[in-house]
Protein backbone atom coordinates (compact mmCIF):
# COMPACT_ATOMS: atom_id res chain seq x y z
CA UNK A 1 0.00 0.00 0.00
CA UNK A 2 2.89 2.40 0.71
CA UNK A 3 4.10 1.84 -2.86
CA UNK A 4 0.74 3.07 -4.17
CA UNK A 5 0.86 6.14 -1.93
CA UNK A 6 4.38 6.95 -3.14
CA UNK A 7 3.22 6.92 -6.78
CA UNK A 8 0.21 9.16 -6.18
CA UNK A 9 0.52 12.73 -7.35
CA UNK A 10 -2.13 14.17 -5.05
CA UNK A 11 -3.08 13.70 -1.43
CA UNK A 12 -6.23 11.70 -0.70
CA UNK A 13 -8.77 13.40 1.56
CA UNK A 14 -10.93 11.14 3.68
CA UNK A 15 -14.41 12.45 2.96
CA UNK A 16 -17.68 11.00 4.20
CA UNK A 17 -20.45 11.54 1.66
CA UNK A 18 -22.71 9.56 -0.65
CA UNK A 19 -22.69 9.96 -4.42
CA UNK A 20 -25.88 9.41 -6.39
CA UNK A 21 -24.98 7.28 -9.43
CA UNK A 22 -27.53 7.71 -12.23
CA UNK A 23 -25.80 5.99 -15.16
CA UNK A 24 -23.21 3.31 -15.96
CA UNK A 25 -21.64 2.94 -19.39
CA UNK A 26 -19.85 -0.39 -19.79
CA UNK A 27 -18.89 -2.52 -22.79
CA UNK A 28 -21.02 -0.43 -25.15
CA UNK A 29 -24.13 -0.64 -22.96
CA UNK A 30 -25.74 2.27 -21.15
CA UNK A 31 -27.61 1.51 -17.94
CA UNK A 32 -29.71 4.35 -16.49
CA UNK A 33 -30.91 3.90 -12.93
CA UNK A 34 -34.46 5.07 -12.26
CA UNK A 35 -33.56 5.45 -8.59
CA UNK A 36 -29.90 6.50 -8.36
CA UNK A 37 -27.52 4.06 -6.71
CA UNK A 38 -25.97 5.34 -3.50
CA UNK A 39 -22.20 4.79 -3.35
CA UNK A 40 -20.17 5.65 -0.24
CA UNK A 41 -17.17 7.90 -0.83
CA UNK A 42 -14.02 6.67 0.96
CA UNK A 43 -11.65 9.42 -0.18
CA UNK A 44 -11.31 12.09 -2.82
CA UNK A 45 -8.53 13.98 -4.60
CA UNK A 46 -8.13 16.15 -7.66
CA UNK A 47 -7.30 12.96 -9.60
CA UNK A 48 -10.37 10.99 -8.57
CA UNK A 49 -12.10 9.24 -5.73
CA UNK A 50 -12.51 5.88 -4.06
CA UNK A 51 -16.03 4.59 -3.43
CA UNK A 52 -17.38 1.57 -1.59
CA UNK A 53 -20.57 -0.36 -2.41
CA UNK A 54 -22.14 -3.78 -2.78
CA UNK A 55 -22.90 -2.96 -6.44
CA UNK A 56 -20.85 -4.78 -9.08
CA UNK A 57 -19.26 -2.73 -11.86
CA UNK A 58 -16.58 -3.69 -14.36
CA UNK A 59 -13.16 -2.10 -14.57
CA UNK A 60 -13.25 0.47 -17.38
CA UNK A 61 -16.92 1.34 -16.84
CA UNK A 62 -17.86 5.02 -16.78
CA UNK A 63 -20.19 6.22 -14.03
CA UNK A 64 -22.26 9.40 -14.05
CA UNK A 65 -23.09 10.76 -10.62
CA UNK A 66 -23.99 13.74 -8.46
CA UNK A 67 -21.85 14.57 -5.44
CA UNK A 68 -22.16 17.05 -2.57
CA UNK A 69 -18.94 18.63 -1.34
CA UNK A 70 -19.42 20.62 1.81
CA UNK A 71 -22.57 22.64 0.97
CA UNK A 72 -22.34 22.48 -2.84
CA UNK A 73 -24.03 19.93 -5.10
CA UNK A 74 -22.24 19.03 -8.34
CA UNK A 75 -24.28 17.24 -11.00
CA UNK A 76 -23.41 14.95 -13.89
CA UNK A 77 -19.80 14.19 -12.96
CA UNK A 78 -18.25 11.41 -15.07
CA UNK A 79 -15.55 9.04 -13.80
CA UNK A 80 -13.90 5.90 -15.16
CA UNK A 81 -13.33 2.87 -12.93
CA UNK A 82 -9.57 2.21 -12.89
CA UNK A 83 -9.41 -0.58 -10.32
CA UNK A 84 -11.64 -2.84 -8.22
CA UNK A 85 -11.03 -4.52 -4.85
CA UNK A 86 -13.55 -7.14 -3.70
CA UNK A 87 -13.55 -7.91 0.03
CA UNK A 88 -16.40 -10.27 0.96
CA UNK A 89 -18.76 -8.72 -1.63
CA UNK A 90 -18.01 -5.16 -0.54
CA UNK A 91 -16.39 -3.53 -3.54
CA UNK A 92 -14.02 -0.59 -3.51
CA UNK A 93 -13.58 1.21 -6.82
CA UNK A 94 -10.89 3.67 -7.82
CA UNK A 95 -12.48 6.29 -10.06
CA UNK A 96 -10.66 8.76 -12.31
CA UNK A 97 -12.74 11.90 -12.76
CA UNK A 98 -12.98 12.90 -16.40
CA UNK A 99 -12.33 16.53 -17.34
CA UNK A 100 -12.00 17.85 -13.80
CA UNK A 101 -12.63 21.54 -14.45
CA UNK A 102 -14.87 24.36 -13.36
CA UNK A 103 -16.26 24.91 -9.89
CA UNK A 104 -15.99 21.21 -8.94
CA UNK A 105 -12.27 21.08 -9.74
CA UNK A 106 -11.61 24.37 -7.94
CA UNK A 107 -13.55 23.12 -4.90
CA UNK A 108 -11.44 19.94 -4.62
CA UNK A 109 -8.23 21.96 -5.11
CA UNK A 110 -9.25 24.32 -2.27
CA UNK A 111 -10.06 21.36 -0.01
CA UNK A 112 -6.60 19.88 -0.69
CA UNK A 113 -4.93 23.23 0.02
CA UNK A 114 -6.76 23.65 3.32
CA UNK A 115 -5.53 20.22 4.38
CA UNK A 116 -1.91 20.88 3.42
CA UNK A 117 -1.87 24.28 5.16
CA UNK A 118 -3.33 22.75 8.34
CA UNK A 119 -0.62 20.08 8.67
C-alpha atoms as a PDB file:
ATOM      1  CA  UNK A   1       0.000   0.000   0.000  1.00  0.00           C
ATOM      2  CA  UNK A   2       2.887   2.399   0.715  1.00  0.00           C
ATOM      3  CA  UNK A   3       4.098   1.838  -2.859  1.00  0.00           C
ATOM      4  CA  UNK A   4       0.740   3.067  -4.173  1.00  0.00           C
ATOM      5  CA  UNK A   5       0.864   6.138  -1.929  1.00  0.00           C
ATOM      6  CA  UNK A   6       4.384   6.950  -3.138  1.00  0.00           C
ATOM      7  CA  UNK A   7       3.219   6.916  -6.777  1.00  0.00           C
ATOM      8  CA  UNK A   8       0.208   9.162  -6.183  1.00  0.00           C
ATOM      9  CA  UNK A   9       0.523  12.734  -7.354  1.00  0.00           C
ATOM     10  CA  UNK A  10      -2.133  14.166  -5.048  1.00  0.00           C
ATOM     11  CA  UNK A  11      -3.082  13.697  -1.429  1.00  0.00           C
ATOM     12  CA  UNK A  12      -6.230  11.704  -0.695  1.00  0.00           C
ATOM     13  CA  UNK A  13      -8.772  13.399   1.557  1.00  0.00           C
ATOM     14  CA  UNK A  14     -10.928  11.143   3.679  1.00  0.00           C
ATOM     15  CA  UNK A  15     -14.411  12.451   2.955  1.00  0.00           C
ATOM     16  CA  UNK A  16     -17.682  11.004   4.195  1.00  0.00           C
ATOM     17  CA  UNK A  17     -20.447  11.536   1.658  1.00  0.00           C
ATOM     18  CA  UNK A  18     -22.713   9.559  -0.653  1.00  0.00           C
ATOM     19  CA  UNK A  19     -22.689   9.957  -4.418  1.00  0.00           C
ATOM     20  CA  UNK A  20     -25.878   9.410  -6.388  1.00  0.00           C
ATOM     21  CA  UNK A  21     -24.984   7.279  -9.431  1.00  0.00           C
ATOM     22  CA  UNK A  22     -27.535   7.711 -12.227  1.00  0.00           C
ATOM     23  CA  UNK A  23     -25.795   5.987 -15.156  1.00  0.00           C
ATOM     24  CA  UNK A  24     -23.209   3.312 -15.963  1.00  0.00           C
ATOM     25  CA  UNK A  25     -21.635   2.944 -19.393  1.00  0.00           C
ATOM     26  CA  UNK A  26     -19.855  -0.391 -19.786  1.00  0.00           C
ATOM     27  CA  UNK A  27     -18.887  -2.516 -22.794  1.00  0.00           C
ATOM     28  CA  UNK A  28     -21.023  -0.429 -25.149  1.00  0.00           C
ATOM     29  CA  UNK A  29     -24.130  -0.643 -22.959  1.00  0.00           C
ATOM     30  CA  UNK A  30     -25.739   2.273 -21.153  1.00  0.00           C
ATOM     31  CA  UNK A  31     -27.607   1.508 -17.939  1.00  0.00           C
ATOM     32  CA  UNK A  32     -29.714   4.347 -16.491  1.00  0.00           C
ATOM     33  CA  UNK A  33     -30.907   3.903 -12.927  1.00  0.00           C
ATOM     34  CA  UNK A  34     -34.458   5.069 -12.258  1.00  0.00           C
ATOM     35  CA  UNK A  35     -33.555   5.448  -8.591  1.00  0.00           C
ATOM     36  CA  UNK A  36     -29.899   6.504  -8.362  1.00  0.00           C
ATOM     37  CA  UNK A  37     -27.522   4.061  -6.707  1.00  0.00           C
ATOM     38  CA  UNK A  38     -25.967   5.337  -3.502  1.00  0.00           C
ATOM     39  CA  UNK A  39     -22.195   4.789  -3.354  1.00  0.00           C
ATOM     40  CA  UNK A  40     -20.166   5.649  -0.235  1.00  0.00           C
ATOM     41  CA  UNK A  41     -17.167   7.904  -0.828  1.00  0.00           C
ATOM     42  CA  UNK A  42     -14.023   6.673   0.963  1.00  0.00           C
ATOM     43  CA  UNK A  43     -11.655   9.418  -0.177  1.00  0.00           C
ATOM     44  CA  UNK A  44     -11.308  12.091  -2.822  1.00  0.00           C
ATOM     45  CA  UNK A  45      -8.534  13.984  -4.595  1.00  0.00           C
ATOM     46  CA  UNK A  46      -8.127  16.154  -7.658  1.00  0.00           C
ATOM     47  CA  UNK A  47      -7.301  12.958  -9.602  1.00  0.00           C
ATOM     48  CA  UNK A  48     -10.369  10.987  -8.568  1.00  0.00           C
ATOM     49  CA  UNK A  49     -12.098   9.237  -5.733  1.00  0.00           C
ATOM     50  CA  UNK A  50     -12.509   5.882  -4.061  1.00  0.00           C
ATOM     51  CA  UNK A  51     -16.033   4.590  -3.425  1.00  0.00           C
ATOM     52  CA  UNK A  52     -17.381   1.566  -1.587  1.00  0.00           C
ATOM     53  CA  UNK A  53     -20.573  -0.357  -2.405  1.00  0.00           C
ATOM     54  CA  UNK A  54     -22.136  -3.783  -2.784  1.00  0.00           C
ATOM     55  CA  UNK A  55     -22.902  -2.961  -6.445  1.00  0.00           C
ATOM     56  CA  UNK A  56     -20.847  -4.783  -9.082  1.00  0.00           C
ATOM     57  CA  UNK A  57     -19.259  -2.728 -11.859  1.00  0.00           C
ATOM     58  CA  UNK A  58     -16.576  -3.693 -14.364  1.00  0.00           C
ATOM     59  CA  UNK A  59     -13.158  -2.098 -14.574  1.00  0.00           C
ATOM     60  CA  UNK A  60     -13.249   0.468 -17.378  1.00  0.00           C
ATOM     61  CA  UNK A  61     -16.923   1.341 -16.844  1.00  0.00           C
ATOM     62  CA  UNK A  62     -17.859   5.018 -16.777  1.00  0.00           C
ATOM     63  CA  UNK A  63     -20.193   6.220 -14.032  1.00  0.00           C
ATOM     64  CA  UNK A  64     -22.264   9.403 -14.052  1.00  0.00           C
ATOM     65  CA  UNK A  65     -23.095  10.763 -10.616  1.00  0.00           C
ATOM     66  CA  UNK A  66     -23.994  13.743  -8.458  1.00  0.00           C
ATOM     67  CA  UNK A  67     -21.845  14.573  -5.441  1.00  0.00           C
ATOM     68  CA  UNK A  68     -22.163  17.047  -2.572  1.00  0.00           C
ATOM     69  CA  UNK A  69     -18.941  18.632  -1.341  1.00  0.00           C
ATOM     70  CA  UNK A  70     -19.422  20.622   1.812  1.00  0.00           C
ATOM     71  CA  UNK A  71     -22.571  22.635   0.971  1.00  0.00           C
ATOM     72  CA  UNK A  72     -22.337  22.481  -2.835  1.00  0.00           C
ATOM     73  CA  UNK A  73     -24.035  19.929  -5.099  1.00  0.00           C
ATOM     74  CA  UNK A  74     -22.240  19.027  -8.336  1.00  0.00           C
ATOM     75  CA  UNK A  75     -24.276  17.244 -10.998  1.00  0.00           C
ATOM     76  CA  UNK A  76     -23.406  14.947 -13.886  1.00  0.00           C
ATOM     77  CA  UNK A  77     -19.803  14.186 -12.961  1.00  0.00           C
ATOM     78  CA  UNK A  78     -18.247  11.405 -15.068  1.00  0.00           C
ATOM     79  CA  UNK A  79     -15.554   9.043 -13.798  1.00  0.00           C
ATOM     80  CA  UNK A  80     -13.898   5.899 -15.162  1.00  0.00           C
ATOM     81  CA  UNK A  81     -13.334   2.866 -12.935  1.00  0.00           C
ATOM     82  CA  UNK A  82      -9.568   2.215 -12.894  1.00  0.00           C
ATOM     83  CA  UNK A  83      -9.413  -0.575 -10.321  1.00  0.00           C
ATOM     84  CA  UNK A  84     -11.642  -2.840  -8.221  1.00  0.00           C
ATOM     85  CA  UNK A  85     -11.031  -4.525  -4.855  1.00  0.00           C
ATOM     86  CA  UNK A  86     -13.553  -7.138  -3.698  1.00  0.00           C
ATOM     87  CA  UNK A  87     -13.550  -7.907   0.025  1.00  0.00           C
ATOM     88  CA  UNK A  88     -16.402 -10.274   0.956  1.00  0.00           C
ATOM     89  CA  UNK A  89     -18.755  -8.723  -1.632  1.00  0.00           C
ATOM     90  CA  UNK A  90     -18.005  -5.160  -0.537  1.00  0.00           C
ATOM     91  CA  UNK A  91     -16.394  -3.532  -3.539  1.00  0.00           C
ATOM     92  CA  UNK A  92     -14.023  -0.586  -3.515  1.00  0.00           C
ATOM     93  CA  UNK A  93     -13.583   1.212  -6.817  1.00  0.00           C
ATOM     94  CA  UNK A  94     -10.888   3.673  -7.824  1.00  0.00           C
ATOM     95  CA  UNK A  95     -12.476   6.291 -10.061  1.00  0.00           C
ATOM     96  CA  UNK A  96     -10.660   8.758 -12.307  1.00  0.00           C
ATOM     97  CA  UNK A  97     -12.735  11.900 -12.756  1.00  0.00           C
ATOM     98  CA  UNK A  98     -12.982  12.903 -16.401  1.00  0.00           C
ATOM     99  CA  UNK A  99     -12.334  16.530 -17.338  1.00  0.00           C
ATOM    100  CA  UNK A 100     -12.004  17.853 -13.802  1.00  0.00           C
ATOM    101  CA  UNK A 101     -12.627  21.541 -14.446  1.00  0.00           C
ATOM    102  CA  UNK A 102     -14.873  24.362 -13.365  1.00  0.00           C
ATOM    103  CA  UNK A 103     -16.260  24.905  -9.890  1.00  0.00           C
ATOM    104  CA  UNK A 104     -15.992  21.214  -8.941  1.00  0.00           C
ATOM    105  CA  UNK A 105     -12.265  21.084  -9.741  1.00  0.00           C
ATOM    106  CA  UNK A 106     -11.614  24.369  -7.935  1.00  0.00           C
ATOM    107  CA  UNK A 107     -13.553  23.116  -4.900  1.00  0.00           C
ATOM    108  CA  UNK A 108     -11.441  19.943  -4.616  1.00  0.00           C
ATOM    109  CA  UNK A 109      -8.235  21.961  -5.107  1.00  0.00           C
ATOM    110  CA  UNK A 110      -9.250  24.320  -2.273  1.00  0.00           C
ATOM    111  CA  UNK A 111     -10.064  21.357  -0.011  1.00  0.00           C
ATOM    112  CA  UNK A 112      -6.595  19.881  -0.692  1.00  0.00           C
ATOM    113  CA  UNK A 113      -4.927  23.227   0.024  1.00  0.00           C
ATOM    114  CA  UNK A 114      -6.764  23.649   3.316  1.00  0.00           C
ATOM    115  CA  UNK A 115      -5.526  20.216   4.379  1.00  0.00           C
ATOM    116  CA  UNK A 116      -1.909  20.885   3.419  1.00  0.00           C
ATOM    117  CA  UNK A 117      -1.865  24.282   5.160  1.00  0.00           C
ATOM    118  CA  UNK A 118      -3.326  22.747   8.340  1.00  0.00           C
ATOM    119  CA  UNK A 119      -0.616  20.084   8.671  1.00  0.00           C
END
